[in-house]
């Protein structure tokens, strides 16, 4: 049976969160600054500009939703900052905190398994995948996606992201997207060199869906300029 409080409420998610994330952070946080980031309730601004964004995802189970408040209380009890902002996703907050920390010369480790965060990897910024127990750096992004971290959003604009309900440019797909970005370097460069795209179908798809490609790039790009409290980083 899943763990329960004395009043019968399930707390399995709370226990899992503490054991897999908070406990390791407590052990390491004496010489580091730590911030825990949550998605705020409700849709983000991406849904406003693309209504299908994450629209097909099933709702969280009730037992998970009911434990979200307790998870937040646990974070505060451990003495960590907990941040969320309505209309923005946790990823945008992390991107903003990362940019702020790097501007001050601090190194950043992002604890996540979300591949969207790979766009933030660079000098002084790496990802730790808690499930895989692995640090992810620039060469890992190239090995996994075939592009540099700075090109991840361009790749996603063309290839899409099924988990987020973003189709990308129909007729391109992951393989062609990798080839195009690896060759030309960016979405702008791809469209500046359409005559050099040797496949007629791919070229036609790119030409017909130019506006969609740039919309999907906007959706994929994490915001790095959110107004956040100075104590958050």
Protein backbone atom coordinates (compact mmCIF):
# COMPACT_ATOMS: atom_id res chain seq x y z
CA UNK A 1 0.00 0.00 0.00
CA UNK A 2 1.24 3.56 -0.65
CA UNK A 3 2.39 5.56 2.40
CA UNK A 4 -0.39 7.42 4.18
CA UNK A 5 -0.65 9.98 6.94
CA UNK A 6 -2.45 9.06 10.14
CA UNK A 7 -5.59 10.68 8.75
CA UNK A 8 -5.57 8.33 5.74
CA UNK A 9 -4.29 10.75 3.10
CA UNK A 10 -1.71 9.38 0.69
CA UNK A 11 1.77 10.89 0.94
CA UNK A 12 3.69 8.67 -1.48
CA UNK A 13 4.54 11.61 -3.77
CA UNK A 14 5.75 13.63 -0.80
CA UNK A 15 7.93 10.78 0.42
CA UNK A 16 9.35 10.20 -3.06
CA UNK A 17 10.11 13.88 -3.53
CA UNK A 18 11.95 14.10 -0.22
CA UNK A 19 13.93 10.91 -0.68
CA UNK A 20 14.97 11.44 -4.30
CA UNK A 21 15.49 15.21 -4.34
CA UNK A 22 15.43 17.01 -1.03
CA UNK A 23 17.63 14.61 0.93
CA UNK A 24 20.53 14.77 -1.57
CA UNK A 25 20.19 18.54 -1.72
CA UNK A 26 20.30 18.83 2.07
CA UNK A 27 23.53 16.87 2.06
CA UNK A 28 25.10 19.17 -0.53
CA UNK A 29 23.55 22.56 0.22
CA UNK A 30 25.88 23.80 2.97
CA UNK A 31 28.16 25.49 0.44
CA UNK A 32 25.59 26.00 -2.29
CA UNK A 33 22.48 28.03 -2.95
CA UNK A 34 19.44 25.94 -3.78
CA UNK A 35 16.07 26.86 -5.23
CA UNK A 36 13.14 24.53 -5.92
CA UNK A 37 10.84 25.57 -8.76
CA UNK A 38 7.25 24.49 -9.39
CA UNK A 39 4.79 24.91 -12.23
CA UNK A 40 2.04 27.25 -11.11
CA UNK A 41 -1.58 26.11 -11.46
CA UNK A 42 -3.20 27.03 -14.75
CA UNK A 43 -1.89 27.32 -18.32
CA UNK A 44 1.23 29.25 -19.31
CA UNK A 45 1.51 32.05 -21.85
CA UNK A 46 2.37 29.38 -24.44
CA UNK A 47 -1.21 28.19 -24.40
CA UNK A 48 -2.29 31.75 -25.29
CA UNK A 49 -0.20 31.78 -28.46
CA UNK A 50 -0.75 28.11 -29.33
CA UNK A 51 -3.97 26.64 -27.85
CA UNK A 52 -2.92 23.05 -28.54
CA UNK A 53 0.15 23.36 -26.33
CA UNK A 54 0.00 20.48 -23.81
CA UNK A 55 -3.76 20.28 -24.43
CA UNK A 56 -3.72 16.50 -24.90
CA UNK A 57 -1.98 15.73 -21.62
CA UNK A 58 -4.22 13.92 -19.14
CA UNK A 59 -4.81 15.71 -15.84
CA UNK A 60 -2.71 14.74 -12.87
CA UNK A 61 -4.23 12.03 -10.66
CA UNK A 62 -6.20 13.43 -7.74
CA UNK A 63 -3.87 11.81 -5.23
CA UNK A 64 -0.92 13.67 -6.79
CA UNK A 65 -2.71 17.02 -6.86
CA UNK A 66 -3.75 16.69 -3.24
CA UNK A 67 -0.13 16.15 -2.21
CA UNK A 68 1.26 19.16 -4.09
CA UNK A 69 0.59 21.50 -1.16
CA UNK A 70 2.40 19.17 1.26
CA UNK A 71 5.39 18.97 -1.10
CA UNK A 72 5.63 22.76 -1.08
CA UNK A 73 5.43 22.80 2.70
CA UNK A 74 8.22 20.20 2.85
CA UNK A 75 10.45 22.38 0.68
CA UNK A 76 9.97 25.34 3.00
CA UNK A 77 10.50 23.15 6.05
CA UNK A 78 13.92 22.16 4.70
CA UNK A 79 14.79 25.83 4.36
CA UNK A 80 14.85 26.04 0.57
CA UNK A 81 13.39 28.76 -1.63
CA UNK A 82 10.29 27.63 -3.53
CA UNK A 83 9.23 29.68 -6.54
CA UNK A 84 6.36 29.57 -9.01
CA UNK A 85 4.86 32.22 -11.26
CA UNK A 86 1.43 32.22 -12.85
CA UNK A 87 1.40 32.25 -16.68
CA UNK A 88 4.96 30.89 -16.77
CA UNK A 89 6.40 27.43 -16.49
CA UNK A 90 8.99 26.20 -14.04
CA UNK A 91 11.40 25.92 -16.98
CA UNK A 92 11.18 29.69 -17.58
CA UNK A 93 11.95 30.39 -13.94
CA UNK A 94 14.93 28.03 -14.04
CA UNK A 95 16.20 29.70 -17.20
CA UNK A 96 15.91 33.12 -15.57
CA UNK A 97 17.67 31.98 -12.40
CA UNK A 98 20.40 30.37 -14.49
CA UNK A 99 21.00 33.55 -16.47
CA UNK A 100 21.11 35.58 -13.28
CA UNK A 101 23.54 33.20 -11.58
CA UNK A 102 25.85 33.10 -14.59
CA UNK A 103 25.90 36.91 -14.79
CA UNK A 104 27.31 36.83 -11.27
CA UNK A 105 29.90 34.22 -12.16
CA UNK A 106 28.25 31.32 -10.35
CA UNK A 107 28.20 27.80 -11.72
CA UNK A 108 24.78 26.20 -12.10
CA UNK A 109 23.59 22.62 -11.84
CA UNK A 110 20.00 22.03 -12.93
CA UNK A 111 18.45 18.89 -11.49
CA UNK A 112 15.96 17.63 -14.06
CA UNK A 113 15.27 14.93 -16.60
CA UNK A 114 13.55 17.32 -19.03
CA UNK A 115 15.33 17.48 -22.38
CA UNK A 116 13.91 20.97 -23.00
CA UNK A 117 16.39 22.23 -20.42
CA UNK A 118 19.31 21.18 -22.61
CA UNK A 119 19.12 24.57 -24.33
CA UNK A 120 20.53 26.10 -21.12
CA UNK A 121 23.68 23.97 -21.02
CA UNK A 122 26.88 25.89 -21.64
CA UNK A 123 29.87 27.39 -19.90
CA UNK A 124 29.25 26.95 -16.19
CA UNK A 125 25.85 25.29 -16.68
CA UNK A 126 25.18 21.55 -16.59
CA UNK A 127 22.24 19.27 -15.88
CA UNK A 128 22.07 16.45 -13.39
CA UNK A 129 19.60 13.74 -14.35
CA UNK A 130 18.49 12.35 -11.00
CA UNK A 131 16.95 9.19 -12.49
CA UNK A 132 19.97 8.30 -14.61
CA UNK A 133 22.41 9.49 -11.93
CA UNK A 134 24.32 11.28 -14.67
CA UNK A 135 25.69 14.76 -15.27
CA UNK A 136 24.78 16.09 -18.72
CA UNK A 137 27.11 18.52 -20.46
CA UNK A 138 27.56 19.96 -23.95
CA UNK A 139 28.98 16.82 -25.54
CA UNK A 140 26.04 14.80 -24.17
CA UNK A 141 23.57 17.14 -25.89
CA UNK A 142 25.40 16.74 -29.20
CA UNK A 143 25.45 12.96 -28.77
CA UNK A 144 21.74 12.79 -27.89
CA UNK A 145 20.25 15.38 -30.26
CA UNK A 146 22.87 15.91 -32.95
CA UNK A 147 23.05 19.69 -32.32
CA UNK A 148 24.69 22.09 -29.89
CA UNK A 149 22.72 23.35 -26.85
CA UNK A 150 22.30 26.75 -28.49
CA UNK A 151 20.58 25.03 -31.43
CA UNK A 152 18.09 22.96 -29.43
CA UNK A 153 15.22 25.42 -29.90
CA UNK A 154 15.85 25.53 -33.66
CA UNK A 155 15.76 21.75 -33.76
CA UNK A 156 12.51 21.69 -31.77
CA UNK A 157 10.96 24.29 -34.06
CA UNK A 158 11.39 21.93 -37.00
CA UNK A 159 11.01 18.53 -35.33
CA UNK A 160 8.37 19.46 -32.75
CA UNK A 161 7.76 17.87 -29.38
CA UNK A 162 4.97 15.30 -29.19
CA UNK A 163 4.86 15.37 -25.38
CA UNK A 164 3.94 19.07 -25.52
CA UNK A 165 1.54 18.70 -28.43
CA UNK A 166 3.80 20.68 -30.76
CA UNK A 167 3.94 19.01 -34.20
CA UNK A 168 6.85 20.91 -35.69
CA UNK A 169 7.02 21.37 -39.44
CA UNK A 170 4.98 18.52 -40.85
CA UNK A 171 6.98 16.51 -43.36
CA UNK A 172 10.34 17.22 -41.75
CA UNK A 173 10.67 14.99 -38.70
CA UNK A 174 13.56 14.50 -36.29
CA UNK A 175 16.12 13.17 -38.79
CA UNK A 176 15.69 15.93 -41.36
CA UNK A 177 15.55 18.57 -38.63
CA UNK A 178 18.90 17.37 -37.28
CA UNK A 179 20.44 17.41 -40.75
CA UNK A 180 19.18 20.89 -41.54
CA UNK A 181 20.27 22.49 -38.27
CA UNK A 182 23.61 20.66 -38.25
CA UNK A 183 24.31 21.90 -41.78
CA UNK A 184 23.01 25.46 -41.66
CA UNK A 185 23.32 26.19 -37.94
CA UNK A 186 20.01 27.89 -37.18
CA UNK A 187 16.39 28.21 -38.24
CA UNK A 188 17.14 31.61 -39.80
CA UNK A 189 19.97 30.11 -41.83
CA UNK A 190 17.79 27.22 -43.00
CA UNK A 191 15.22 29.65 -44.39
CA UNK A 192 17.95 31.81 -45.89
CA UNK A 193 19.22 28.77 -47.79
CA UNK A 194 16.04 26.97 -48.83
CA UNK A 195 17.38 26.53 -52.35
CA UNK A 196 20.14 24.39 -50.86
CA UNK A 197 17.69 21.90 -49.33
CA UNK A 198 18.05 18.99 -51.71
CA UNK A 199 14.79 17.21 -50.93
CA UNK A 200 11.85 18.71 -52.82
CA UNK A 201 9.25 17.61 -50.24
CA UNK A 202 11.26 18.95 -47.32
CA UNK A 203 11.82 22.26 -49.11
CA UNK A 204 8.11 22.57 -49.92
CA UNK A 205 7.14 21.76 -46.32
CA UNK A 206 9.53 24.38 -44.96
CA UNK A 207 8.27 27.00 -47.39
CA UNK A 208 4.59 26.33 -46.63
CA UNK A 209 5.03 26.27 -42.86
CA UNK A 210 7.49 29.07 -42.24
CA UNK A 211 5.18 30.94 -39.83
CA UNK A 212 4.50 27.74 -37.88
CA UNK A 213 8.21 27.01 -37.57
CA UNK A 214 8.89 30.40 -36.01
CA UNK A 215 5.86 30.04 -33.74
CA UNK A 216 7.17 26.68 -32.53
CA UNK A 217 10.60 28.20 -31.92
CA UNK A 218 8.97 30.88 -29.77
CA UNK A 219 7.18 28.18 -27.80
CA UNK A 220 10.37 26.15 -27.34
CA UNK A 221 12.48 29.10 -26.23
CA UNK A 222 12.71 29.47 -22.46
CA UNK A 223 12.28 32.94 -21.00
CA UNK A 224 15.35 34.23 -19.21
CA UNK A 225 14.07 37.64 -18.14
CA UNK A 226 11.29 37.01 -15.61
CA UNK A 227 11.05 39.43 -12.67
CA UNK A 228 11.95 37.28 -9.66
CA UNK A 229 12.78 38.16 -6.05
CA UNK A 230 16.47 38.75 -5.42
CA UNK A 231 16.45 36.06 -2.72
CA UNK A 232 15.64 33.43 -5.34
CA UNK A 233 19.22 33.02 -6.51
